[in-house]
Protein backbone atom coordinates (compact mmCIF):
# COMPACT_ATOMS: atom_id res chain seq x y z
CA MET A 1 -83.10 141.90 -25.24
CA GLY A 2 -84.25 141.56 -21.52
CA ILE A 3 -87.05 139.06 -21.10
CA CYS A 4 -89.64 140.51 -19.17
CA ALA A 5 -91.97 138.52 -16.83
CA SER A 6 -95.27 140.01 -17.79
CA SER A 7 -98.05 138.64 -19.65
CA TYR A 8 -100.43 140.13 -22.13
CA PRO A 9 -103.80 138.52 -22.08
CA ALA A 10 -105.28 136.84 -24.90
CA ASN A 11 -108.52 138.53 -24.69
CA LYS A 12 -110.50 138.17 -27.91
CA LYS A 13 -111.87 141.89 -27.62
CA GLU A 14 -108.59 142.90 -27.85
CA HIS A 15 -106.95 141.59 -30.77
CA VAL A 16 -108.99 142.91 -34.19
CA CYS A 17 -108.70 139.72 -35.76
CA PHE A 18 -111.64 138.45 -33.84
CA TRP A 19 -114.08 141.05 -34.14
CA GLY A 20 -112.70 142.67 -36.99
CA GLY A 21 -114.74 140.72 -39.79
CA ALA A 22 -118.19 141.43 -37.62
CA LYS A 23 -117.26 145.16 -38.14
CA LEU A 24 -116.65 145.35 -41.47
CA GLY A 25 -119.75 142.63 -42.60
CA ARG A 26 -116.74 140.71 -44.32
CA PRO A 27 -113.74 138.93 -43.33
CA LEU A 28 -110.51 140.78 -43.26
CA ILE A 29 -108.73 140.53 -46.21
CA TYR A 30 -104.86 139.49 -45.50
CA GLY A 31 -101.95 140.38 -48.33
CA HIS A 32 -99.97 136.57 -48.16
CA ARG A 33 -96.68 137.30 -48.52
CA GLY A 34 -97.44 141.10 -48.95
CA GLY A 35 -100.03 139.99 -51.56
CA SER A 36 -98.53 142.86 -54.25
CA LYS A 37 -97.96 142.47 -57.69
CA ASN A 38 -95.85 145.52 -58.03
CA TYR A 39 -93.08 144.47 -55.31
CA PRO A 40 -91.20 141.24 -54.05
CA GLU A 41 -93.18 138.72 -52.26
CA ASN A 42 -91.91 139.71 -47.88
CA SER A 43 -90.75 142.70 -48.77
CA LEU A 44 -91.61 145.79 -46.60
CA GLU A 45 -92.71 147.65 -49.98
CA ALA A 46 -95.08 145.01 -50.44
CA PHE A 47 -96.59 145.33 -47.31
CA ILE A 48 -97.09 148.91 -47.64
CA ASP A 49 -98.43 148.58 -51.32
CA ALA A 50 -100.94 145.68 -49.86
CA ARG A 51 -102.39 148.20 -47.31
CA GLU A 52 -102.48 151.13 -49.83
CA ASN A 53 -104.73 148.78 -51.86
CA GLY A 54 -107.16 147.98 -49.07
CA ALA A 55 -105.84 144.92 -47.49
CA ASP A 56 -106.80 144.62 -43.71
CA GLY A 57 -103.37 142.63 -42.97
CA CYS A 58 -100.46 140.97 -44.46
CA GLU A 59 -99.03 137.19 -44.20
CA MET A 60 -95.48 137.21 -43.84
CA ASP A 61 -92.44 134.21 -43.04
CA VAL A 62 -89.78 134.66 -40.96
CA PHE A 63 -86.59 132.92 -40.28
CA LEU A 64 -83.84 133.09 -37.21
CA THR A 65 -79.92 133.46 -38.62
CA THR A 66 -77.27 132.58 -36.93
CA ASP A 67 -76.59 135.65 -35.50
CA GLU A 68 -79.99 135.59 -33.96
CA GLN A 69 -81.72 138.34 -36.22
CA VAL A 70 -85.75 137.43 -37.42
CA VAL A 71 -85.45 137.99 -41.36
CA VAL A 72 -88.57 138.24 -43.55
CA PHE A 73 -88.46 135.63 -46.16
CA HIS A 74 -90.46 132.79 -47.66
CA ASP A 75 -88.08 130.02 -48.66
CA ASP A 76 -85.67 127.93 -46.51
CA THR A 77 -83.09 128.94 -49.20
CA THR A 78 -82.40 132.11 -51.20
CA GLU A 79 -82.29 130.45 -54.85
CA ARG A 80 -85.69 131.21 -56.02
CA LEU A 81 -86.01 134.79 -54.82
CA VAL A 82 -82.21 136.20 -54.86
CA ASP A 83 -79.65 136.42 -57.40
CA GLY A 84 -76.50 134.73 -57.06
CA PRO A 85 -75.13 131.80 -54.84
CA SER A 86 -77.90 130.27 -52.34
CA HIS A 87 -77.87 130.73 -48.89
CA LYS A 88 -79.72 128.42 -46.53
CA LEU A 89 -81.39 130.93 -43.99
CA ILE A 90 -81.13 128.87 -40.76
CA GLU A 91 -77.30 128.73 -41.58
CA SER A 92 -76.36 132.34 -42.34
CA SER A 93 -76.06 135.36 -40.61
CA TRP A 94 -77.67 139.01 -41.26
CA ALA A 95 -74.60 140.90 -40.75
CA GLY A 96 -72.13 140.34 -43.65
CA CYS A 97 -74.33 137.83 -45.81
CA ILE A 98 -78.04 138.16 -45.79
CA GLU A 99 -78.34 142.07 -45.30
CA ASN A 100 -76.22 142.56 -48.86
CA LEU A 101 -78.94 139.99 -50.84
CA LYS A 102 -81.09 141.73 -52.85
CA PHE A 103 -84.35 140.52 -54.52
CA LYS A 104 -84.51 139.42 -58.28
CA LYS A 105 -85.93 142.18 -60.37
CA THR A 106 -87.91 139.53 -62.28
CA LEU A 107 -90.02 136.34 -60.34
CA LYS A 108 -91.36 133.95 -62.61
CA TYR A 109 -94.34 131.95 -61.06
CA ASP A 110 -96.48 129.07 -62.43
CA ARG A 111 -98.66 131.37 -64.53
CA GLU A 112 -97.27 134.73 -64.55
CA THR A 113 -94.13 136.52 -64.54
CA LEU A 114 -93.88 139.77 -62.40
CA ASN A 115 -91.24 142.77 -62.83
CA PHE A 116 -90.05 145.25 -60.75
CA ASP A 117 -88.23 148.24 -61.15
CA LYS A 118 -85.61 147.73 -59.07
CA ASN A 119 -83.89 145.15 -56.25
CA TYR A 120 -85.50 145.36 -53.37
CA SER A 121 -83.74 144.68 -49.95
CA ILE A 122 -84.47 142.25 -47.66
CA ALA A 123 -86.20 143.07 -44.43
CA LEU A 124 -85.84 142.48 -40.87
CA LEU A 125 -89.04 141.62 -38.72
CA LYS A 126 -88.06 144.47 -36.17
CA ASP A 127 -88.11 147.09 -38.96
CA VAL A 128 -91.64 145.83 -40.46
CA PHE A 129 -92.82 146.16 -36.68
CA LYS A 130 -91.32 149.55 -36.35
CA TRP A 131 -93.22 150.89 -39.95
CA PHE A 132 -96.53 149.16 -38.95
CA LYS A 133 -96.82 150.19 -35.50
CA GLY A 134 -100.16 151.72 -34.51
CA LYS A 135 -100.92 152.05 -38.34
CA GLU A 136 -104.56 151.37 -39.53
CA SER A 137 -106.29 149.84 -42.45
CA LYS A 138 -108.01 151.92 -44.89
CA ALA A 139 -111.40 150.51 -43.33
CA GLY A 140 -110.20 152.36 -40.02
CA LEU A 141 -108.84 149.21 -38.21
CA PRO A 142 -105.74 148.13 -36.50
CA PHE A 143 -103.60 146.77 -39.61
CA VAL A 144 -102.88 143.30 -38.72
CA LEU A 145 -99.14 141.09 -39.27
CA ASN A 146 -99.86 137.43 -39.35
CA VAL A 147 -96.15 135.84 -38.83
CA GLU A 148 -95.23 132.60 -39.80
CA LEU A 149 -92.71 130.82 -37.96
CA LYS A 150 -90.24 129.08 -40.18
CA PRO A 151 -88.86 126.51 -41.42
CA CYS A 152 -92.06 124.53 -41.80
CA ALA A 153 -90.85 121.38 -40.23
CA PRO A 154 -91.23 120.64 -36.17
CA SER A 155 -87.33 121.33 -34.18
CA ILE A 156 -86.41 121.64 -31.29
CA HIS A 157 -82.68 123.26 -32.06
CA LEU A 158 -84.86 125.92 -34.46
CA SER A 159 -87.68 126.30 -32.04
CA PRO A 160 -85.78 129.87 -30.65
CA VAL A 161 -87.83 131.60 -33.47
CA GLY A 162 -90.58 132.02 -31.54
CA ARG A 163 -88.93 133.31 -28.52
CA HIS A 164 -87.52 135.74 -30.40
CA VAL A 165 -90.44 136.92 -31.85
CA ALA A 166 -92.75 137.08 -28.73
CA ASN A 167 -89.73 139.20 -27.69
CA LEU A 168 -90.23 141.72 -30.96
CA ILE A 169 -93.69 141.70 -30.34
CA ARG A 170 -93.28 142.85 -26.33
CA GLU A 171 -90.55 145.25 -27.40
CA TYR A 172 -92.31 147.52 -30.02
CA GLY A 173 -95.85 147.13 -28.22
CA MET A 174 -97.11 145.18 -31.17
CA GLU A 175 -99.51 142.82 -29.07
CA LYS A 176 -103.02 144.10 -30.57
CA GLN A 177 -101.44 144.07 -34.33
CA VAL A 178 -99.66 140.94 -34.45
CA THR A 179 -100.87 137.11 -34.32
CA LEU A 180 -98.34 133.88 -34.88
CA VAL A 181 -98.78 130.91 -36.91
CA GLY A 182 -96.94 127.93 -38.00
CA PHE A 183 -96.63 124.43 -38.96
CA ASP A 184 -94.40 123.61 -35.87
CA PRO A 185 -96.16 123.51 -32.59
CA LEU A 186 -92.61 123.90 -30.81
CA LYS A 187 -92.03 127.20 -32.25
CA LEU A 188 -95.64 128.39 -31.09
CA HIS A 189 -94.90 127.10 -27.37
CA GLN A 190 -91.63 128.55 -27.31
CA ALA A 191 -93.56 131.97 -28.50
CA VAL A 192 -96.46 131.36 -25.62
CA LYS A 193 -93.99 130.42 -23.09
CA THR A 194 -91.94 133.88 -23.44
CA TYR A 195 -94.74 136.08 -23.77
CA PRO A 196 -98.29 134.50 -22.54
CA GLY A 197 -100.99 135.64 -23.93
CA ILE A 198 -100.17 136.63 -27.31
CA HIS A 199 -102.41 135.12 -29.83
CA VAL A 200 -100.64 132.08 -31.54
CA GLY A 201 -102.47 129.48 -34.20
CA TRP A 202 -101.52 126.17 -35.67
CA GLN A 203 -101.59 126.19 -39.65
CA TYR A 204 -103.04 122.86 -41.33
CA ASP A 205 -102.72 122.45 -44.79
CA ASP A 206 -103.48 119.49 -47.20
CA MET A 207 -99.87 118.72 -48.38
CA GLU A 208 -97.18 116.62 -46.58
CA THR A 209 -96.91 118.78 -43.73
CA THR A 210 -99.98 117.66 -42.21
CA LYS A 211 -100.99 115.07 -44.25
CA LEU A 212 -104.70 115.52 -43.80
CA GLY A 213 -105.71 115.24 -47.71
CA THR A 214 -108.09 117.22 -49.24
CA ALA A 215 -111.98 117.00 -47.70
CA ASN A 216 -113.29 120.35 -49.70
CA VAL A 217 -116.38 119.68 -51.95
CA TRP A 218 -116.93 123.37 -51.94
CA TYR A 219 -115.75 123.84 -55.50
CA HIS A 220 -118.69 121.25 -57.05
CA ASP A 221 -121.56 122.98 -55.72
CA ASP A 222 -122.81 124.14 -58.86
CA ASP A 223 -126.34 124.22 -57.72
CA GLY A 224 -125.40 126.66 -54.84
CA VAL A 225 -126.25 123.74 -51.60
CA LEU A 226 -123.03 123.37 -49.37
CA GLY A 227 -121.28 120.13 -49.66
CA ASP A 228 -122.01 117.54 -46.92
CA GLN A 229 -119.10 116.16 -45.15
CA THR A 230 -119.75 115.85 -42.02
CA GLN A 231 -119.42 112.31 -41.17
CA PHE A 232 -116.31 110.84 -39.85
CA THR A 233 -114.41 108.70 -42.56
CA ARG A 234 -112.27 105.82 -41.27
CA ASP A 235 -109.29 106.46 -43.64
CA LYS A 236 -106.10 108.32 -42.11
CA PRO A 237 -106.98 111.72 -43.21
CA GLY A 238 -110.40 111.56 -41.66
CA LEU A 239 -108.75 110.77 -37.91
CA LEU A 240 -106.29 113.29 -38.69
CA ARG A 241 -109.43 115.78 -39.25
CA PHE A 242 -111.12 114.73 -36.43
CA LEU A 243 -107.80 115.29 -34.11
CA MET A 244 -108.06 118.66 -35.78
CA GLU A 245 -111.18 119.84 -35.53
CA GLY A 246 -110.88 118.74 -31.70
CA ALA A 247 -108.22 121.01 -31.40
CA VAL A 248 -106.58 119.38 -28.09
CA LEU A 249 -103.04 119.80 -29.74
CA ASP A 250 -103.99 123.57 -30.13
CA ARG A 251 -105.21 124.14 -27.07
CA ALA A 252 -102.38 122.42 -25.23
CA ILE A 253 -100.01 125.04 -26.78
CA GLY A 254 -101.98 127.77 -25.97
CA ALA A 255 -103.55 128.18 -29.05
CA THR A 256 -106.39 130.82 -29.64
CA ILE A 257 -106.50 131.02 -33.51
CA VAL A 258 -106.24 128.56 -36.04
CA ASP A 259 -105.12 128.74 -40.09
CA LEU A 260 -106.37 126.47 -42.39
CA GLU A 261 -105.97 125.58 -46.06
CA ASP A 262 -109.69 125.99 -47.20
CA THR A 263 -109.09 122.47 -49.19
CA VAL A 264 -108.84 120.72 -45.53
CA CYS A 265 -112.04 122.05 -44.45
CA ASP A 266 -115.43 119.68 -44.74
CA ASP A 267 -118.86 120.96 -44.28
CA ASN A 268 -118.39 121.81 -40.18
CA THR A 269 -114.29 122.19 -39.53
CA ILE A 270 -114.78 125.86 -39.17
CA GLN A 271 -117.94 125.60 -37.13
CA HIS A 272 -116.09 123.02 -34.85
CA PHE A 273 -113.42 125.69 -34.25
CA HIS A 274 -115.48 128.78 -34.08
CA ASP A 275 -117.37 126.51 -30.90
CA ARG A 276 -114.42 126.11 -29.34
CA GLY A 277 -113.78 129.88 -29.13
CA PHE A 278 -110.94 130.30 -31.74
CA GLY A 279 -110.18 133.06 -34.48
CA VAL A 280 -110.15 130.88 -38.21
CA GLY A 281 -108.47 132.21 -41.39
CA CYS A 282 -108.27 130.53 -44.78
CA PHE A 283 -105.54 130.77 -47.01
CA THR A 284 -104.65 131.16 -49.77
CA ILE A 285 -107.17 132.77 -52.19
CA PHE A 286 -106.29 133.40 -55.63
CA PRO A 287 -102.92 132.37 -55.34
CA THR A 288 -99.53 133.33 -57.62
CA ASP A 289 -97.51 130.40 -56.38
CA LEU A 290 -99.35 127.21 -56.96
CA SER A 291 -95.67 125.07 -56.16
CA SER A 292 -97.38 124.07 -52.72
CA CYS A 293 -101.35 124.13 -54.02
CA SER A 294 -102.56 120.26 -54.55
CA ARG A 295 -105.74 121.81 -56.67
CA HIS A 296 -105.19 124.64 -59.19
CA PRO A 297 -107.64 127.05 -60.26
CA PRO A 298 -108.71 127.38 -63.78
CA ASP A 299 -105.88 128.24 -66.52
CA ASP A 300 -107.95 131.51 -67.81
CA ASP A 301 -108.25 135.01 -66.12
CA ALA A 302 -112.23 134.59 -65.49
CA GLY A 303 -112.35 131.24 -64.65
CA ALA A 304 -109.77 131.47 -61.76
CA TYR A 305 -111.57 134.49 -60.48
CA GLU A 306 -114.68 132.76 -60.39
CA ASP A 307 -113.07 129.57 -58.58
CA GLY A 308 -111.76 132.07 -56.05
CA LYS A 309 -114.69 133.83 -55.52
CA ASN A 310 -116.69 130.24 -55.14
CA ILE A 311 -114.25 129.53 -52.22
CA ILE A 312 -115.10 133.04 -50.81
CA ARG A 313 -118.65 132.61 -51.27
CA GLN A 314 -118.61 129.24 -49.15
CA ILE A 315 -116.07 131.15 -46.41
CA MET A 316 -118.20 134.20 -45.99
CA LYS A 317 -121.41 131.57 -45.13
CA ARG A 318 -119.61 130.09 -42.43
CA LYS A 319 -118.05 132.83 -41.09
CA VAL A 320 -114.25 132.88 -41.34
CA ASN A 321 -112.78 135.66 -39.55
CA TRP A 322 -109.83 136.32 -42.05
CA ILE A 323 -108.73 135.24 -45.39
CA GLU A 324 -105.09 135.32 -46.93
CA THR A 325 -104.74 135.92 -50.56
CA ASP A 326 -102.62 136.68 -53.36
CA SER A 327 -105.12 139.40 -54.72
CA VAL A 328 -106.46 141.90 -52.48
CA LYS A 329 -108.21 143.43 -55.64
CA ASN A 330 -109.94 140.35 -56.72
CA SER A 331 -110.59 139.36 -52.94
CA HIS A 332 -112.05 143.13 -52.15
CA ARG A 333 -114.36 142.16 -55.41
CA ALA A 334 -115.41 139.12 -54.90
CA MET A 335 -116.48 140.03 -51.40
CA THR A 336 -118.38 143.28 -52.95
CA GLU A 337 -120.31 141.03 -55.49
CA LEU A 338 -120.99 138.31 -52.77
CA ALA A 339 -122.77 141.09 -50.34
CA ALA A 340 -124.93 142.14 -52.84
CA GLU A 341 -125.82 138.34 -54.04
CA PHE A 342 -126.30 137.73 -49.81
CA ALA A 343 -128.45 140.61 -49.66
CA ALA A 344 -130.82 139.95 -52.77
CA GLU A 345 -131.18 136.31 -51.75
CA ALA A 346 -132.47 137.29 -48.14
CA GLN A 347 -135.12 139.12 -49.70
CA VAL A 348 -136.68 136.02 -51.13
CA VAL A 349 -136.11 134.21 -47.77
CA PRO A 350 -139.32 133.65 -45.70
CA PRO A 351 -138.78 135.81 -42.70
CA ALA A 352 -138.32 133.04 -40.41
CA ALA A 353 -135.14 132.10 -42.06
CA SER A 354 -133.70 135.15 -42.91
CA ALA A 355 -131.82 135.39 -39.46
CA THR A 356 -129.82 132.37 -40.77
CA ALA A 357 -128.64 134.08 -44.25
CA ALA A 358 -126.39 137.16 -43.15
CA PRO A 359 -123.00 136.57 -43.94
CA ALA A 360 -121.11 138.53 -41.38
CA ALA A 361 -117.91 137.12 -40.04
CA HIS A 362 -117.53 136.71 -36.18
């Protein structure tokens, strides 16, 4: 694949992740790893199913194999998701190895077990691009593919995955449908260097990856009042959050978007990024895989739904551009209910204050 010298203009008007929420009056809904209960995570079938069930896009994870193929897969190894001997993605070839593997028919998660009708194949990113090229969501907007560059740990040696994904975006003309995110700025920098102007963003979570800790107090707002965590704290997480909100490193690598675990946001984090022109996403709502969640939702279905709805309430009030969710259905339900609640609240707000009550996304 030859490298073209041309660049793609990183214009917010060009990409739906910036303006789609405002058009719909709610954040865009991305299926996390596809967000499907009917097909294995990160399978092409899961992405197709998410679109058919009303998702505005999908989040997916990719690795570069030893024979330079970009494979759609979440874990560093195949052990959890595939039957047979375990293979490390970055040490394996697509040809003769990964291409022959299939997802397990049964995947067990913390609180549920998913059963599928057959063993589905692992996909290459280029095949996902081919299928979704020019596709729209049911809402009539370009269907977004939010691609996370793996593995998470920063590595110069492994950074070429950014270059390969950027070249695929150019080759298949996916500039207006794809965004790139990751925990490794080196991979993101490779992508922007290869194809200047595509939309990339750093990810921040509350686990060991960024050591931000948990700032979020939204879950305790029983009276409906937004939490107040606007003051700088002098501990390590407070300093890191201060640096995060400044977006200095993000801008240094050419980032135009940011992907935040909702728990790392204090009361003005999202506004800080919006003030600097960033598109903002939050993950993961209604989580299925709790292994990377520092805070778990209630065990019962009703409690888990209300918990996720409360997070979405705060997300909508703060005008987040998109969410990543393991339940597209529940996310749509929550946003529909919240839109009605916001409208009802607006009816009792004094006219002078009503302009601030609208929850529409940027």
